[in-house]
Amino acid sequence: MTESNSQPASKATISPENTAVETTTSDEVQEIRETIAAAKPEGSYVKLAMRNMVRKGRQSLWHFFLTTVGLVGLLVGLAYLTKP
């Protein structure tokens, strides 16, 4: 058996003929940066929530505790009501 092609068919060869390099000017770069800056949201909900949690730490912990107790109570109540 002789191999006619030494490279696998899935790999592409890179040669100077098939490589293209696009250059961008500083005006184009500035325009792209302005477009990206305009597309960004002002502030995210997660950042605002984290800021509020740090600012109101005791209240956040109390609400977390109440939520945890409520969910555990709900699960225990459902388990008690639905036991065979």
N, C-alpha and C. Protein backbone atom coordinates (compact mmCIF):
# COMPACT_ATOMS: atom_id res chain seq x y z
N MET A 1 0.84 -1.17 0.00
CA MET A 1 0.00 0.00 0.00
C MET A 1 0.88 1.24 0.00
N THR A 2 0.62 2.11 -0.90
CA THR A 2 1.35 3.37 -0.95
C THR A 2 0.40 4.52 -0.69
N GLU A 3 0.89 5.49 0.02
CA GLU A 3 0.07 6.66 0.31
C GLU A 3 0.41 7.76 -0.70
N SER A 4 -0.62 8.26 -1.36
CA SER A 4 -0.38 9.31 -2.33
C SER A 4 -0.36 10.69 -1.68
N ASN A 5 -1.02 10.80 -0.53
CA ASN A 5 -1.09 12.09 0.15
C ASN A 5 -0.56 11.89 1.56
N SER A 6 0.48 12.63 1.93
CA SER A 6 1.08 12.43 3.24
C SER A 6 0.36 13.20 4.34
N GLN A 7 -0.49 14.19 3.99
CA GLN A 7 -1.22 14.94 4.99
C GLN A 7 -2.66 14.46 5.07
N PRO A 8 -3.24 14.45 6.25
CA PRO A 8 -4.65 14.09 6.36
C PRO A 8 -5.52 15.12 5.63
N ALA A 9 -6.67 14.67 5.18
CA ALA A 9 -7.55 15.52 4.40
C ALA A 9 -8.18 16.62 5.25
N SER A 10 -8.26 16.43 6.57
CA SER A 10 -8.95 17.41 7.41
C SER A 10 -8.08 18.63 7.74
N LYS A 11 -6.78 18.54 7.56
CA LYS A 11 -5.92 19.66 7.91
C LYS A 11 -5.70 20.55 6.68
N ALA A 12 -5.76 21.84 6.91
CA ALA A 12 -5.51 22.78 5.83
C ALA A 12 -4.08 23.27 5.93
N THR A 13 -3.48 23.49 4.80
CA THR A 13 -2.12 24.00 4.80
C THR A 13 -2.16 25.52 4.75
N ILE A 14 -1.21 26.12 5.41
CA ILE A 14 -1.14 27.58 5.44
C ILE A 14 0.03 27.98 4.56
N SER A 15 -0.28 28.79 3.59
CA SER A 15 0.75 29.30 2.70
C SER A 15 0.55 30.79 2.52
N PRO A 16 1.55 31.50 2.06
CA PRO A 16 1.39 32.94 1.87
C PRO A 16 0.28 33.32 0.90
N GLU A 17 -0.09 32.43 0.01
CA GLU A 17 -1.12 32.74 -0.97
C GLU A 17 -2.52 32.76 -0.35
N ASN A 18 -2.77 31.91 0.66
CA ASN A 18 -4.13 31.81 1.18
C ASN A 18 -4.30 32.48 2.55
N THR A 19 -3.34 33.29 2.97
CA THR A 19 -3.51 34.04 4.21
C THR A 19 -3.75 35.49 3.88
N ALA A 20 -4.74 36.06 4.53
CA ALA A 20 -5.05 37.47 4.31
C ALA A 20 -5.05 38.16 5.66
N VAL A 21 -4.42 39.30 5.70
CA VAL A 21 -4.37 40.07 6.93
C VAL A 21 -5.03 41.40 6.67
N GLU A 22 -6.08 41.66 7.46
CA GLU A 22 -6.76 42.94 7.33
C GLU A 22 -6.20 43.90 8.35
N THR A 23 -5.96 45.11 7.92
CA THR A 23 -5.48 46.11 8.85
C THR A 23 -6.61 47.11 9.11
N THR A 24 -6.68 47.56 10.34
CA THR A 24 -7.69 48.55 10.69
C THR A 24 -7.00 49.83 11.10
N THR A 25 -7.61 50.92 10.75
CA THR A 25 -7.04 52.21 11.11
C THR A 25 -7.48 52.58 12.52
N SER A 26 -6.84 53.59 13.07
CA SER A 26 -7.19 53.98 14.43
C SER A 26 -8.60 54.57 14.47
N ASP A 27 -9.07 55.17 13.38
CA ASP A 27 -10.45 55.68 13.33
C ASP A 27 -11.44 54.53 13.41
N GLU A 28 -11.15 53.44 12.70
CA GLU A 28 -12.04 52.28 12.74
C GLU A 28 -12.04 51.64 14.12
N VAL A 29 -10.88 51.59 14.74
CA VAL A 29 -10.78 51.03 16.08
C VAL A 29 -11.58 51.88 17.06
N GLN A 30 -11.46 53.19 16.95
CA GLN A 30 -12.20 54.09 17.83
C GLN A 30 -13.70 53.92 17.62
N GLU A 31 -14.13 53.78 16.37
CA GLU A 31 -15.55 53.58 16.08
C GLU A 31 -16.06 52.27 16.67
N ILE A 32 -15.25 51.23 16.59
CA ILE A 32 -15.63 49.93 17.16
C ILE A 32 -15.74 50.05 18.68
N ARG A 33 -14.80 50.74 19.30
CA ARG A 33 -14.85 50.91 20.76
C ARG A 33 -16.08 51.70 21.18
N GLU A 34 -16.44 52.73 20.42
CA GLU A 34 -17.63 53.51 20.74
C GLU A 34 -18.90 52.68 20.59
N THR A 35 -18.92 51.82 19.57
CA THR A 35 -20.07 50.95 19.36
C THR A 35 -20.23 49.97 20.51
N ILE A 36 -19.10 49.41 20.95
CA ILE A 36 -19.14 48.45 22.06
C ILE A 36 -19.56 49.16 23.35
N ALA A 37 -19.03 50.36 23.57
CA ALA A 37 -19.37 51.11 24.77
C ALA A 37 -20.85 51.48 24.78
N ALA A 38 -21.41 51.80 23.62
CA ALA A 38 -22.82 52.15 23.54
C ALA A 38 -23.71 50.93 23.75
N ALA A 39 -23.21 49.75 23.42
CA ALA A 39 -24.01 48.54 23.53
C ALA A 39 -24.03 47.99 24.96
N LYS A 40 -23.07 48.38 25.79
CA LYS A 40 -23.01 47.87 27.16
C LYS A 40 -24.14 48.46 27.99
N PRO A 41 -24.76 47.65 28.84
CA PRO A 41 -25.79 48.19 29.72
C PRO A 41 -25.16 49.06 30.80
N GLU A 42 -25.96 49.95 31.35
CA GLU A 42 -25.46 50.88 32.36
C GLU A 42 -24.97 50.13 33.60
N GLY A 43 -25.77 49.23 34.14
CA GLY A 43 -25.40 48.45 35.31
C GLY A 43 -26.21 47.17 35.31
N SER A 44 -25.64 46.14 35.82
CA SER A 44 -26.37 44.88 35.80
C SER A 44 -27.14 44.69 37.10
N TYR A 45 -28.15 43.88 37.02
CA TYR A 45 -28.96 43.57 38.19
C TYR A 45 -28.13 42.88 39.26
N VAL A 46 -27.21 42.02 38.84
CA VAL A 46 -26.39 41.28 39.80
C VAL A 46 -25.47 42.24 40.56
N LYS A 47 -24.86 43.19 39.84
CA LYS A 47 -24.00 44.15 40.52
C LYS A 47 -24.79 44.99 41.52
N LEU A 48 -25.98 45.40 41.14
CA LEU A 48 -26.81 46.18 42.05
C LEU A 48 -27.21 45.35 43.26
N ALA A 49 -27.57 44.10 43.05
CA ALA A 49 -27.95 43.23 44.17
C ALA A 49 -26.77 42.99 45.11
N MET A 50 -25.59 42.78 44.55
CA MET A 50 -24.41 42.57 45.39
C MET A 50 -24.08 43.83 46.19
N ARG A 51 -24.20 45.00 45.55
CA ARG A 51 -23.94 46.25 46.25
C ARG A 51 -24.92 46.44 47.40
N ASN A 52 -26.19 46.14 47.14
CA ASN A 52 -27.19 46.28 48.20
C ASN A 52 -26.97 45.27 49.31
N MET A 53 -26.52 44.07 48.97
CA MET A 53 -26.29 43.06 49.98
C MET A 53 -25.13 43.46 50.89
N VAL A 54 -24.11 44.08 50.32
CA VAL A 54 -22.99 44.54 51.13
C VAL A 54 -23.43 45.72 52.00
N ARG A 55 -24.22 46.61 51.42
CA ARG A 55 -24.66 47.80 52.14
C ARG A 55 -25.63 47.45 53.26
N LYS A 56 -26.51 46.48 53.02
CA LYS A 56 -27.52 46.10 54.00
C LYS A 56 -27.31 44.64 54.40
N GLY A 57 -26.14 44.36 54.91
CA GLY A 57 -25.74 42.98 55.21
C GLY A 57 -26.64 42.27 56.19
N ARG A 58 -27.00 42.94 57.29
CA ARG A 58 -27.80 42.28 58.33
C ARG A 58 -29.19 41.92 57.80
N GLN A 59 -29.80 42.84 57.08
CA GLN A 59 -31.14 42.59 56.52
C GLN A 59 -31.09 41.47 55.48
N SER A 60 -30.04 41.45 54.66
CA SER A 60 -29.90 40.39 53.66
C SER A 60 -29.76 39.02 54.32
N LEU A 61 -28.94 38.97 55.37
CA LEU A 61 -28.77 37.70 56.07
C LEU A 61 -30.07 37.25 56.73
N TRP A 62 -30.82 38.18 57.29
CA TRP A 62 -32.10 37.85 57.92
C TRP A 62 -33.08 37.31 56.88
N HIS A 63 -33.15 37.94 55.72
CA HIS A 63 -34.04 37.45 54.67
C HIS A 63 -33.60 36.09 54.14
N PHE A 64 -32.29 35.89 54.03
CA PHE A 64 -31.77 34.58 53.61
C PHE A 64 -32.16 33.51 54.63
N PHE A 65 -32.03 33.82 55.91
CA PHE A 65 -32.41 32.89 56.97
C PHE A 65 -33.90 32.55 56.90
N LEU A 66 -34.74 33.58 56.76
CA LEU A 66 -36.18 33.34 56.67
C LEU A 66 -36.54 32.49 55.45
N THR A 67 -35.92 32.76 54.32
CA THR A 67 -36.17 31.98 53.11
C THR A 67 -35.76 30.53 53.30
N THR A 68 -34.59 30.31 53.91
CA THR A 68 -34.11 28.95 54.15
C THR A 68 -35.05 28.20 55.08
N VAL A 69 -35.44 28.83 56.18
CA VAL A 69 -36.36 28.19 57.13
C VAL A 69 -37.70 27.90 56.46
N GLY A 70 -38.19 28.83 55.66
CA GLY A 70 -39.46 28.63 54.96
C GLY A 70 -39.41 27.47 53.98
N LEU A 71 -38.33 27.39 53.21
CA LEU A 71 -38.22 26.28 52.24
C LEU A 71 -38.06 24.93 52.94
N VAL A 72 -37.26 24.89 53.99
CA VAL A 72 -37.09 23.63 54.73
C VAL A 72 -38.43 23.24 55.37
N GLY A 73 -39.13 24.22 55.95
CA GLY A 73 -40.44 23.93 56.54
C GLY A 73 -41.43 23.43 55.49
N LEU A 74 -41.42 24.02 54.32
CA LEU A 74 -42.31 23.58 53.24
C LEU A 74 -41.99 22.14 52.83
N LEU A 75 -40.71 21.84 52.67
CA LEU A 75 -40.33 20.48 52.27
C LEU A 75 -40.67 19.45 53.35
N VAL A 76 -40.43 19.79 54.61
CA VAL A 76 -40.76 18.86 55.70
C VAL A 76 -42.27 18.69 55.78
N GLY A 77 -43.02 19.78 55.62
CA GLY A 77 -44.49 19.69 55.65
C GLY A 77 -45.03 18.84 54.51
N LEU A 78 -44.49 19.03 53.32
CA LEU A 78 -44.94 18.21 52.18
C LEU A 78 -44.57 16.74 52.37
N ALA A 79 -43.37 16.51 52.93
CA ALA A 79 -42.96 15.12 53.17
C ALA A 79 -43.88 14.47 54.21
N TYR A 80 -44.28 15.21 55.24
CA TYR A 80 -45.17 14.67 56.27
C TYR A 80 -46.56 14.40 55.71
N LEU A 81 -47.05 15.31 54.90
CA LEU A 81 -48.41 15.15 54.33
C LEU A 81 -48.50 14.06 53.28
N THR A 82 -47.40 13.80 52.60
CA THR A 82 -47.46 12.84 51.48
C THR A 82 -46.84 11.48 51.82
N LYS A 83 -46.53 11.27 53.11
CA LYS A 83 -45.94 9.96 53.45
C LYS A 83 -47.04 8.89 53.38
N PRO A 84 -46.66 7.70 53.00
CA PRO A 84 -47.66 6.62 52.85
C PRO A 84 -48.21 6.11 54.16
